[in-house]
Amino acid sequence: MRFEFKPSFDRSIKTLHAPDKEEVKEAAGQLIDVLSKDRQVHQVLGLKRLMGDYWEVRKGIKARILFRWKGDLIEFVLAGNHDDVKRFLKNS
């Protein structure tokens, strides 16, 4: 499994408040750990397929990570809230 952090993900992290940044970093780390070792996905991660190749991981109520899963490549695309993810998908 390969993991790539897109520039859009890095930019979106910078706009978050400090507690949200930590939640996103923790969720991304947990997702990488689970997927790289073929472990069962915990419900705590809140993994959900949204549309096509796009998936979402939730950490708490506010923090969400949008990523694209194509074959053995996971591309982290965006970090933000529900509205940020919805807006991104609408414009894709």
PDB file of N, CA and C in Angstrom:
ATOM      1  N   MET A   1       0.841  -1.174   0.000  1.00  0.00           N
ATOM      2  CA  MET A   1       0.000   0.000   0.000  1.00  0.00           C
ATOM      3  C   MET A   1       0.890   1.242   0.000  1.00  0.00           C
ATOM      4  N   ARG A   2       0.579   2.176  -0.905  1.00  0.00           N
ATOM      5  CA  ARG A   2       1.330   3.429  -0.985  1.00  0.00           C
ATOM      6  C   ARG A   2       0.440   4.572  -0.510  1.00  0.00           C
ATOM      7  N   PHE A   3       1.052   5.585   0.101  1.00  0.00           N
ATOM      8  CA  PHE A   3       0.318   6.730   0.632  1.00  0.00           C
ATOM      9  C   PHE A   3       0.941   8.011   0.096  1.00  0.00           C
ATOM     10  N   GLU A   4       0.081   8.942  -0.320  1.00  0.00           N
ATOM     11  CA  GLU A   4       0.551  10.215  -0.872  1.00  0.00           C
ATOM     12  C   GLU A   4      -0.296  11.343  -0.287  1.00  0.00           C
ATOM     13  N   PHE A   5       0.387  12.390   0.154  1.00  0.00           N
ATOM     14  CA  PHE A   5      -0.299  13.567   0.673  1.00  0.00           C
ATOM     15  C   PHE A   5      -0.250  14.656  -0.394  1.00  0.00           C
ATOM     16  N   LYS A   6      -1.407  15.003  -0.926  1.00  0.00           N
ATOM     17  CA  LYS A   6      -1.507  16.013  -1.973  1.00  0.00           C
ATOM     18  C   LYS A   6      -1.270  17.405  -1.389  1.00  0.00           C
ATOM     19  N   PRO A   7      -0.799  18.361  -2.210  1.00  0.00           N
ATOM     20  CA  PRO A   7      -0.633  19.739  -1.726  1.00  0.00           C
ATOM     21  C   PRO A   7      -1.936  20.330  -1.178  1.00  0.00           C
ATOM     22  N   SER A   8      -3.076  19.939  -1.754  1.00  0.00           N
ATOM     23  CA  SER A   8      -4.370  20.435  -1.262  1.00  0.00           C
ATOM     24  C   SER A   8      -4.614  19.972   0.180  1.00  0.00           C
ATOM     25  N   PHE A   9      -4.136  18.788   0.526  1.00  0.00           N
ATOM     26  CA  PHE A   9      -4.271  18.289   1.899  1.00  0.00           C
ATOM     27  C   PHE A   9      -3.423  19.134   2.847  1.00  0.00           C
ATOM     28  N   ASP A  10      -2.187  19.393   2.446  1.00  0.00           N
ATOM     29  CA  ASP A  10      -1.294  20.212   3.278  1.00  0.00           C
ATOM     30  C   ASP A  10      -1.860  21.612   3.485  1.00  0.00           C
ATOM     31  N   ARG A  11      -2.404  22.197   2.421  1.00  0.00           N
ATOM     32  CA  ARG A  11      -3.009  23.538   2.535  1.00  0.00           C
ATOM     33  C   ARG A  11      -4.218  23.520   3.468  1.00  0.00           C
ATOM     34  N   SER A  12      -5.029  22.495   3.354  1.00  0.00           N
ATOM     35  CA  SER A  12      -6.236  22.431   4.187  1.00  0.00           C
ATOM     36  C   SER A  12      -5.895  22.229   5.660  1.00  0.00           C
ATOM     37  N   ILE A  13      -4.819  21.529   5.953  1.00  0.00           N
ATOM     38  CA  ILE A  13      -4.379  21.324   7.347  1.00  0.00           C
ATOM     39  C   ILE A  13      -4.014  22.667   7.978  1.00  0.00           C
ATOM     40  N   LYS A  14      -3.365  23.526   7.206  1.00  0.00           N
ATOM     41  CA  LYS A  14      -2.918  24.817   7.732  1.00  0.00           C
ATOM     42  C   LYS A  14      -4.082  25.703   8.164  1.00  0.00           C
ATOM     43  N   THR A  15      -5.266  25.510   7.600  1.00  0.00           N
ATOM     44  CA  THR A  15      -6.414  26.361   7.927  1.00  0.00           C
ATOM     45  C   THR A  15      -7.150  25.903   9.181  1.00  0.00           C
ATOM     46  N   LEU A  16      -6.817  24.726   9.708  1.00  0.00           N
ATOM     47  CA  LEU A  16      -7.515  24.180  10.873  1.00  0.00           C
ATOM     48  C   LEU A  16      -6.968  24.749  12.173  1.00  0.00           C
ATOM     49  N   HIS A  17      -7.808  24.735  13.205  1.00  0.00           N
ATOM     50  CA  HIS A  17      -7.373  25.135  14.543  1.00  0.00           C
ATOM     51  C   HIS A  17      -6.511  24.015  15.120  1.00  0.00           C
ATOM     52  N   ALA A  18      -5.682  24.341  16.090  1.00  0.00           N
ATOM     53  CA  ALA A  18      -4.717  23.389  16.651  1.00  0.00           C
ATOM     54  C   ALA A  18      -5.350  22.070  17.108  1.00  0.00           C
ATOM     55  N   PRO A  19      -6.453  22.089  17.872  1.00  0.00           N
ATOM     56  CA  PRO A  19      -7.031  20.790  18.287  1.00  0.00           C
ATOM     57  C   PRO A  19      -7.504  19.954  17.094  1.00  0.00           C
ATOM     58  N   ASP A  20      -8.065  20.605  16.081  1.00  0.00           N
ATOM     59  CA  ASP A  20      -8.527  19.888  14.890  1.00  0.00           C
ATOM     60  C   ASP A  20      -7.354  19.313  14.106  1.00  0.00           C
ATOM     61  N   LYS A  21      -6.246  20.055  14.055  1.00  0.00           N
ATOM     62  CA  LYS A  21      -5.045  19.555  13.378  1.00  0.00           C
ATOM     63  C   LYS A  21      -4.573  18.259  14.011  1.00  0.00           C
ATOM     64  N   GLU A  22      -4.577  18.230  15.330  1.00  0.00           N
ATOM     65  CA  GLU A  22      -4.125  17.034  16.042  1.00  0.00           C
ATOM     66  C   GLU A  22      -5.054  15.857  15.774  1.00  0.00           C
ATOM     67  N   GLU A  23      -6.371  16.109  15.729  1.00  0.00           N
ATOM     68  CA  GLU A  23      -7.321  15.039  15.443  1.00  0.00           C
ATOM     69  C   GLU A  23      -7.116  14.483  14.038  1.00  0.00           C
ATOM     70  N   VAL A  24      -6.866  15.377  13.087  1.00  0.00           N
ATOM     71  CA  VAL A  24      -6.655  14.949  11.708  1.00  0.00           C
ATOM     72  C   VAL A  24      -5.370  14.137  11.589  1.00  0.00           C
ATOM     73  N   LYS A  25      -4.308  14.611  12.212  1.00  0.00           N
ATOM     74  CA  LYS A  25      -3.042  13.873  12.171  1.00  0.00           C
ATOM     75  C   LYS A  25      -3.189  12.495  12.809  1.00  0.00           C
ATOM     76  N   GLU A  26      -3.919  12.419  13.911  1.00  0.00           N
ATOM     77  CA  GLU A  26      -4.138  11.139  14.587  1.00  0.00           C
ATOM     78  C   GLU A  26      -4.959  10.197  13.703  1.00  0.00           C
ATOM     79  N   ALA A  27      -6.007  10.724  13.084  1.00  0.00           N
ATOM     80  CA  ALA A  27      -6.856   9.900  12.218  1.00  0.00           C
ATOM     81  C   ALA A  27      -6.080   9.398  11.003  1.00  0.00           C
ATOM     82  N   ALA A  28      -5.269  10.265  10.393  1.00  0.00           N
ATOM     83  CA  ALA A  28      -4.462   9.858   9.238  1.00  0.00           C
ATOM     84  C   ALA A  28      -3.471   8.770   9.646  1.00  0.00           C
ATOM     85  N   GLY A  29      -2.851   8.924  10.794  1.00  0.00           N
ATOM     86  CA  GLY A  29      -1.918   7.919  11.283  1.00  0.00           C
ATOM     87  C   GLY A  29      -2.590   6.583  11.540  1.00  0.00           C
ATOM     88  N   GLN A  30      -3.784   6.622  12.125  1.00  0.00           N
ATOM     89  CA  GLN A  30      -4.522   5.388  12.387  1.00  0.00           C
ATOM     90  C   GLN A  30      -4.926   4.708  11.084  1.00  0.00           C
ATOM     91  N   LEU A  31      -5.374   5.504  10.108  1.00  0.00           N
ATOM     92  CA  LEU A  31      -5.778   4.943   8.824  1.00  0.00           C
ATOM     93  C   LEU A  31      -4.591   4.280   8.125  1.00  0.00           C
ATOM     94  N   ILE A  32      -3.459   4.963   8.114  1.00  0.00           N
ATOM     95  CA  ILE A  32      -2.255   4.400   7.497  1.00  0.00           C
ATOM     96  C   ILE A  32      -1.866   3.101   8.189  1.00  0.00           C
ATOM     97  N   ASP A  33      -1.922   3.096   9.509  1.00  0.00           N
ATOM     98  CA  ASP A  33      -1.570   1.896  10.275  1.00  0.00           C
ATOM     99  C   ASP A  33      -2.499   0.736   9.935  1.00  0.00           C
ATOM    100  N   VAL A  34      -3.785   0.999   9.891  1.00  0.00           N
ATOM    101  CA  VAL A  34      -4.769  -0.052   9.628  1.00  0.00           C
ATOM    102  C   VAL A  34      -4.626  -0.587   8.208  1.00  0.00           C
ATOM    103  N   LEU A  35      -4.528   0.290   7.225  1.00  0.00           N
ATOM    104  CA  LEU A  35      -4.479  -0.146   5.832  1.00  0.00           C
ATOM    105  C   LEU A  35      -3.148  -0.789   5.444  1.00  0.00           C
ATOM    106  N   SER A  36      -2.065  -0.315   6.022  1.00  0.00           N
ATOM    107  CA  SER A  36      -0.763  -0.871   5.657  1.00  0.00           C
ATOM    108  C   SER A  36      -0.548  -2.263   6.244  1.00  0.00           C
ATOM    109  N   LYS A  37      -1.294  -2.612   7.262  1.00  0.00           N
ATOM    110  CA  LYS A  37      -1.131  -3.920   7.898  1.00  0.00           C
ATOM    111  C   LYS A  37      -2.336  -4.821   7.675  1.00  0.00           C
ATOM    112  N   ASP A  38      -3.230  -4.440   6.763  1.00  0.00           N
ATOM    113  CA  ASP A  38      -4.440  -5.216   6.456  1.00  0.00           C
ATOM    114  C   ASP A  38      -5.213  -5.591   7.710  1.00  0.00           C
ATOM    115  N   ARG A  39      -5.336  -4.656   8.615  1.00  0.00           N
ATOM    116  CA  ARG A  39      -6.110  -4.883   9.829  1.00  0.00           C
ATOM    117  C   ARG A  39      -7.568  -4.529   9.568  1.00  0.00           C
ATOM    118  N   GLN A  40      -8.421  -4.973  10.463  1.00  0.00           N
ATOM    119  CA  GLN A  40      -9.832  -4.624  10.364  1.00  0.00           C
ATOM    120  C   GLN A  40      -9.990  -3.148  10.723  1.00  0.00           C
ATOM    121  N   VAL A  41     -10.784  -2.437   9.936  1.00  0.00           N
ATOM    122  CA  VAL A  41     -10.993  -1.012  10.162  1.00  0.00           C
ATOM    123  C   VAL A  41     -11.894  -0.838  11.378  1.00  0.00           C
ATOM    124  N   HIS A  42     -11.432  -0.039  12.310  1.00  0.00           N
ATOM    125  CA  HIS A  42     -12.203   0.226  13.519  1.00  0.00           C
ATOM    126  C   HIS A  42     -13.328   1.206  13.215  1.00  0.00           C
ATOM    127  N   GLN A  43     -14.458   1.031  13.863  1.00  0.00           N
ATOM    128  CA  GLN A  43     -15.563   1.965  13.672  1.00  0.00           C
ATOM    129  C   GLN A  43     -15.208   3.343  14.208  1.00  0.00           C
ATOM    130  N   VAL A  44     -14.239   3.414  15.091  1.00  0.00           N
ATOM    131  CA  VAL A  44     -13.804   4.700  15.636  1.00  0.00           C
ATOM    132  C   VAL A  44     -13.320   5.613  14.513  1.00  0.00           C
ATOM    133  N   LEU A  45     -12.742   5.025  13.455  1.00  0.00           N
ATOM    134  CA  LEU A  45     -12.254   5.820  12.333  1.00  0.00           C
ATOM    135  C   LEU A  45     -13.395   6.400  11.504  1.00  0.00           C
ATOM    136  N   GLY A  46     -14.534   5.796  11.525  1.00  0.00           N
ATOM    137  CA  GLY A  46     -15.662   6.302  10.749  1.00  0.00           C
ATOM    138  C   GLY A  46     -15.401   6.270   9.262  1.00  0.00           C
ATOM    139  N   LEU A  47     -14.863   5.181   8.757  1.00  0.00           N
ATOM    140  CA  LEU A  47     -14.545   5.045   7.338  1.00  0.00           C
ATOM    141  C   LEU A  47     -15.828   4.898   6.531  1.00  0.00           C
ATOM    142  N   LYS A  48     -15.940   5.689   5.473  1.00  0.00           N
ATOM    143  CA  LYS A  48     -17.160   5.664   4.658  1.00  0.00           C
ATOM    144  C   LYS A  48     -16.813   5.987   3.211  1.00  0.00           C
ATOM    145  N   ARG A  49     -17.365   5.204   2.299  1.00  0.00           N
ATOM    146  CA  ARG A  49     -17.181   5.481   0.870  1.00  0.00           C
ATOM    147  C   ARG A  49     -18.200   6.543   0.475  1.00  0.00           C
ATOM    148  N   LEU A  50     -17.731   7.597  -0.197  1.00  0.00           N
ATOM    149  CA  LEU A  50     -18.617   8.697  -0.548  1.00  0.00           C
ATOM    150  C   LEU A  50     -19.111   8.599  -1.985  1.00  0.00           C
ATOM    151  N   MET A  51     -18.192   8.640  -2.933  1.00  0.00           N
ATOM    152  CA  MET A  51     -18.568   8.485  -4.338  1.00  0.00           C
ATOM    153  C   MET A  51     -17.343   8.102  -5.144  1.00  0.00           C
ATOM    154  N   GLY A  52     -17.518   7.173  -6.056  1.00  0.00           N
ATOM    155  CA  GLY A  52     -16.402   6.724  -6.877  1.00  0.00           C
ATOM    156  C   GLY A  52     -15.258   6.216  -6.033  1.00  0.00           C
ATOM    157  N   ASP A  53     -14.071   6.803  -6.249  1.00  0.00           N
ATOM    158  CA  ASP A  53     -12.870   6.408  -5.517  1.00  0.00           C
ATOM    159  C   ASP A  53     -12.681   7.198  -4.229  1.00  0.00           C
ATOM    160  N   TYR A  54     -13.580   8.122  -3.929  1.00  0.00           N
ATOM    161  CA  TYR A  54     -13.415   8.995  -2.767  1.00  0.00           C
ATOM    162  C   TYR A  54     -14.010   8.376  -1.506  1.00  0.00           C
ATOM    163  N   TRP A  55     -13.231   8.445  -0.449  1.00  0.00           N
ATOM    164  CA  TRP A  55     -13.600   7.923   0.857  1.00  0.00           C
ATOM    165  C   TRP A  55     -13.392   9.010   1.899  1.00  0.00           C
ATOM    166  N   GLU A  56     -14.008   8.812   3.054  1.00  0.00           N
ATOM    167  CA  GLU A  56     -13.896   9.770   4.150  1.00  0.00           C
ATOM    168  C   GLU A  56     -13.600   9.017   5.441  1.00  0.00           C
ATOM    169  N   VAL A  57     -12.776   9.629   6.269  1.00  0.00           N
ATOM    170  CA  VAL A  57     -12.524   9.152   7.621  1.00  0.00           C
ATOM    171  C   VAL A  57     -12.898  10.292   8.551  1.00  0.00           C
ATOM    172  N   ARG A  58     -13.672   9.963   9.578  1.00  0.00           N
ATOM    173  CA  ARG A  58     -14.080  10.974  10.545  1.00  0.00           C
ATOM    174  C   ARG A  58     -13.359  10.740  11.860  1.00  0.00           C
ATOM    175  N   LYS A  59     -12.944  11.831  12.450  1.00  0.00           N
ATOM    176  CA  LYS A  59     -12.360  11.782  13.790  1.00  0.00           C
ATOM    177  C   LYS A  59     -13.116  12.813  14.605  1.00  0.00           C
ATOM    178  N   GLY A  60     -14.016  12.360  15.419  1.00  0.00           N
ATOM    179  CA  GLY A  60     -14.856  13.289  16.164  1.00  0.00           C
ATOM    180  C   GLY A  60     -15.946  13.839  15.250  1.00  0.00           C
ATOM    181  N   ILE A  61     -16.554  14.914  15.667  1.00  0.00           N
ATOM    182  CA  ILE A  61     -17.658  15.487  14.902  1.00  0.00           C
ATOM    183  C   ILE A  61     -17.158  16.388  13.783  1.00  0.00           C
ATOM    184  N   LYS A  62     -16.125  17.169  14.049  1.00  0.00           N
ATOM    185  CA  LYS A  62     -15.668  18.163  13.076  1.00  0.00           C
ATOM    186  C   LYS A  62     -14.628  17.657  12.091  1.00  0.00           C
ATOM    187  N   ALA A  63     -13.658  16.945  12.565  1.00  0.00           N
ATOM    188  CA  ALA A  63     -12.487  16.612  11.748  1.00  0.00           C
ATOM    189  C   ALA A  63     -12.779  15.469  10.782  1.00  0.00           C
ATOM    190  N   ARG A  64     -12.584  15.747   9.499  1.00  0.00           N
ATOM    191  CA  ARG A  64     -12.778  14.744   8.456  1.00  0.00           C
ATOM    192  C   ARG A  64     -11.609  14.777   7.495  1.00  0.00           C
ATOM    193  N   ILE A  65     -11.306  13.619   6.959  1.00  0.00           N
ATOM    194  CA  ILE A  65     -10.249  13.499   5.962  1.00  0.00           C
ATOM    195  C   ILE A  65     -10.867  12.878   4.723  1.00  0.00           C
ATOM    196  N   LEU A  66     -10.669  13.547   3.599  1.00  0.00           N
ATOM    197  CA  LEU A  66     -11.121  13.016   2.317  1.00  0.00           C
ATOM    198  C   LEU A  66      -9.906  12.443   1.603  1.00  0.00           C
ATOM    199  N   PHE A  67     -10.048  11.208   1.108  1.00  0.00           N
ATOM    200  CA  PHE A  67      -8.940  10.598   0.377  1.00  0.00           C
ATOM    201  C   PHE A  67      -9.482   9.797  -0.790  1.00  0.00           C
ATOM    202  N   ARG A  68      -8.599   9.583  -1.765  1.00  0.00           N
ATOM    203  CA  ARG A  68      -8.935   8.772  -2.934  1.00  0.00           C
ATOM    204  C   ARG A  68      -8.178   7.454  -2.824  1.00  0.00           C
ATOM    205  N   TRP A  69      -8.917   6.364  -3.013  1.00  0.00           N
ATOM    206  CA  TRP A  69      -8.358   5.027  -2.890  1.00  0.00           C
ATOM    207  C   TRP A  69      -8.440   4.358  -4.247  1.00  0.00           C
ATOM    208  N   LYS A  70      -7.292   4.245  -4.916  1.00  0.00           N
ATOM    209  CA  LYS A  70      -7.213   3.615  -6.238  1.00  0.00           C
ATOM    210  C   LYS A  70      -6.174   2.511  -6.186  1.00  0.00           C
ATOM    211  N   GLY A  71      -6.653   1.277  -6.199  1.00  0.00           N
ATOM    212  CA  GLY A  71      -5.733   0.137  -6.161  1.00  0.00           C
ATOM    213  C   GLY A  71      -4.941   0.107  -4.877  1.00  0.00           C
ATOM    214  N   ASP A  72      -3.617   0.219  -4.998  1.00  0.00           N
ATOM    215  CA  ASP A  72      -2.770   0.204  -3.798  1.00  0.00           C
ATOM    216  C   ASP A  72      -2.288   1.610  -3.427  1.00  0.00           C
ATOM    217  N   LEU A  73      -2.933   2.649  -3.980  1.00  0.00           N
ATOM    218  CA  LEU A  73      -2.548   4.029  -3.694  1.00  0.00           C
ATOM    219  C   LEU A  73      -3.653   4.749  -2.931  1.00  0.00           C
ATOM    220  N   ILE A  74      -3.273   5.341  -1.804  1.00  0.00           N
ATOM    221  CA  ILE A  74      -4.171   6.187  -1.026  1.00  0.00           C
ATOM    222  C   ILE A  74      -3.650   7.614  -1.163  1.00  0.00           C
ATOM    223  N   GLU A  75      -4.482   8.513  -1.718  1.00  0.00           N
ATOM    224  CA  GLU A  75      -4.110   9.918  -1.882  1.00  0.00           C
ATOM    225  C   GLU A  75      -4.936  10.757  -0.912  1.00  0.00           C
ATOM    226  N   PHE A  76      -4.274  11.334   0.077  1.00  0.00           N
ATOM    227  CA  PHE A  76      -4.951  12.224   1.013  1.00  0.00           C
ATOM    228  C   PHE A  76      -5.178  13.552   0.301  1.00  0.00           C
ATOM    229  N   VAL A  77      -6.441  13.958   0.180  1.00  0.00           N
ATOM    230  CA  VAL A  77      -6.810  15.093  -0.651  1.00  0.00           C
ATOM    231  C   VAL A  77      -7.168  16.320   0.164  1.00  0.00           C
ATOM    232  N   LEU A  78      -7.936  16.146   1.252  1.00  0.00           N
ATOM    233  CA  LEU A  78      -8.488  17.293   1.968  1.00  0.00           C
ATOM    234  C   LEU A  78      -8.714  16.950   3.428  1.00  0.00           C
ATOM    235  N   ALA A  79      -8.511  17.933   4.296  1.00  0.00           N
ATOM    236  CA  ALA A  79      -8.872  17.824   5.708  1.00  0.00           C
ATOM    237  C   ALA A  79      -9.784  18.999   6.024  1.00  0.00           C
ATOM    238  N   GLY A  80     -10.875  18.732   6.696  1.00  0.00           N
ATOM    239  CA  GLY A  80     -11.794  19.809   7.030  1.00  0.00           C
ATOM    240  C   GLY A  80     -13.046  19.279   7.685  1.00  0.00           C
ATOM    241  N   ASN A  81     -14.135  20.033   7.546  1.00  0.00           N
ATOM    242  CA  ASN A  81     -15.402  19.614   8.137  1.00  0.00           C
ATOM    243  C   ASN A  81     -16.329  19.059   7.055  1.00  0.00           C
ATOM    244  N   HIS A  82     -17.536  18.748   7.445  1.00  0.00           N
ATOM    245  CA  HIS A  82     -18.508  18.165   6.520  1.00  0.00           C
ATOM    246  C   HIS A  82     -18.736  19.060   5.303  1.00  0.00           C
ATOM    247  N   ASP A  83     -18.888  20.353   5.541  1.00  0.00           N
ATOM    248  CA  ASP A  83     -19.144  21.290   4.443  1.00  0.00           C
ATOM    249  C   ASP A  83     -17.964  21.383   3.480  1.00  0.00           C
ATOM    250  N   ASP A  84     -16.744  21.326   4.004  1.00  0.00           N
ATOM    251  CA  ASP A  84     -15.553  21.364   3.152  1.00  0.00           C
ATOM    252  C   ASP A  84     -15.516  20.157   2.220  1.00  0.00           C
ATOM    253  N   VAL A  85     -15.806  18.990   2.767  1.00  0.00           N
ATOM    254  CA  VAL A  85     -15.802  17.761   1.969  1.00  0.00           C
ATOM    255  C   VAL A  85     -16.898  17.817   0.919  1.00  0.00           C
ATOM    256  N   LYS A  86     -18.088  18.233   1.323  1.00  0.00           N
ATOM    257  CA  LYS A  86     -19.221  18.329   0.407  1.00  0.00           C
ATOM    258  C   LYS A  86     -18.921  19.299  -0.739  1.00  0.00           C
ATOM    259  N   ARG A  87     -18.317  20.436  -0.416  1.00  0.00           N
ATOM    260  CA  ARG A  87     -17.969  21.444  -1.414  1.00  0.00           C
ATOM    261  C   ARG A  87     -16.940  20.901  -2.398  1.00  0.00           C
ATOM    262  N   PHE A  88     -15.941  20.194  -1.893  1.00  0.00           N
ATOM    263  CA  PHE A  88     -14.911  19.624  -2.760  1.00  0.00           C
ATOM    264  C   PHE A  88     -15.511  18.631  -3.740  1.00  0.00           C
ATOM    265  N   LEU A  89     -16.348  17.735  -3.234  1.00  0.00           N
ATOM    266  CA  LEU A  89     -16.951  16.708  -4.092  1.00  0.00           C
ATOM    267  C   LEU A  89     -17.881  17.321  -5.133  1.00  0.00           C
ATOM    268  N   LYS A  90     -18.571  18.376  -4.759  1.00  0.00           N
ATOM    269  CA  LYS A  90     -19.483  19.048  -5.692  1.00  0.00           C
ATOM    270  C   LYS A  90     -18.711  19.673  -6.844  1.00  0.00           C
ATOM    271  N   ASN A  91     -17.522  20.185  -6.560  1.00  0.00           N
ATOM    272  CA  ASN A  91     -16.709  20.874  -7.571  1.00  0.00           C
ATOM    273  C   ASN A  91     -15.771  19.926  -8.324  1.00  0.00           C
ATOM    274  N   SER A  92     -15.757  18.656  -7.972  1.00  0.00           N
ATOM    275  CA  SER A  92     -14.858  17.697  -8.636  1.00  0.00           C
ATOM    276  C   SER A  92     -15.462  17.174  -9.925  1.00  0.00           C
TER     277      SER A  92
END
